[in-house]
Amino acid sequence: MAVSNNPSHGTKPEGTLGRAATETKEKVQTLADKAQDAAANVGDKAKGAATAVKQQADETFATVGHKMTSLADNIRANAPSEGVLGNAATSVADNLRSGGRYLEQHGLESMGRDLTNVVRQNPMQSLLIGFGIGCLLGMSLGRR
């Protein structure tokens, strides 16, 4: 039985295996880098989209606030100045104006902080209001 000393018989030379391993490692690293770049691009696009949505919401709130303030001025100008109806109209106009100014001057983040503070200061009332709104929504959706 003769043993062959030919290095190409049955096994690859050590240099070829080392080169193949290095090339494979480089390809894996390249793929990992591309995946990381793609993930970063998706993250940047998501941040951009979120910023655009926030800006649009802030603009919408400001527009609604301006319209509420304008409506308050209109009510005040056309309502009677005396009597029960005059007092009610003045009260409605004052509340509309106050709410309109708030919407014009505060962004979405500020409103979120304000709401969080109200809930923290009045947890039981907030819970009951949430429960009531949930019941009303459930009843209205259940009737369809």
Foldseek 3Di string as FASTA:
>chain_A
DDDDPDCVPPDDDPVVVVVVVVVVVVVVVVVVVVVVVVVVVVVVVVVVVVVVVQVVQLVVLLVQLVVLLVVLVVLLVPWDCDDPRNVVSPVSSVVSNVSSVCSNPDGPVRVVVVVVVVCVVPVVVVVVVVVVVVVVVCVVVVVD
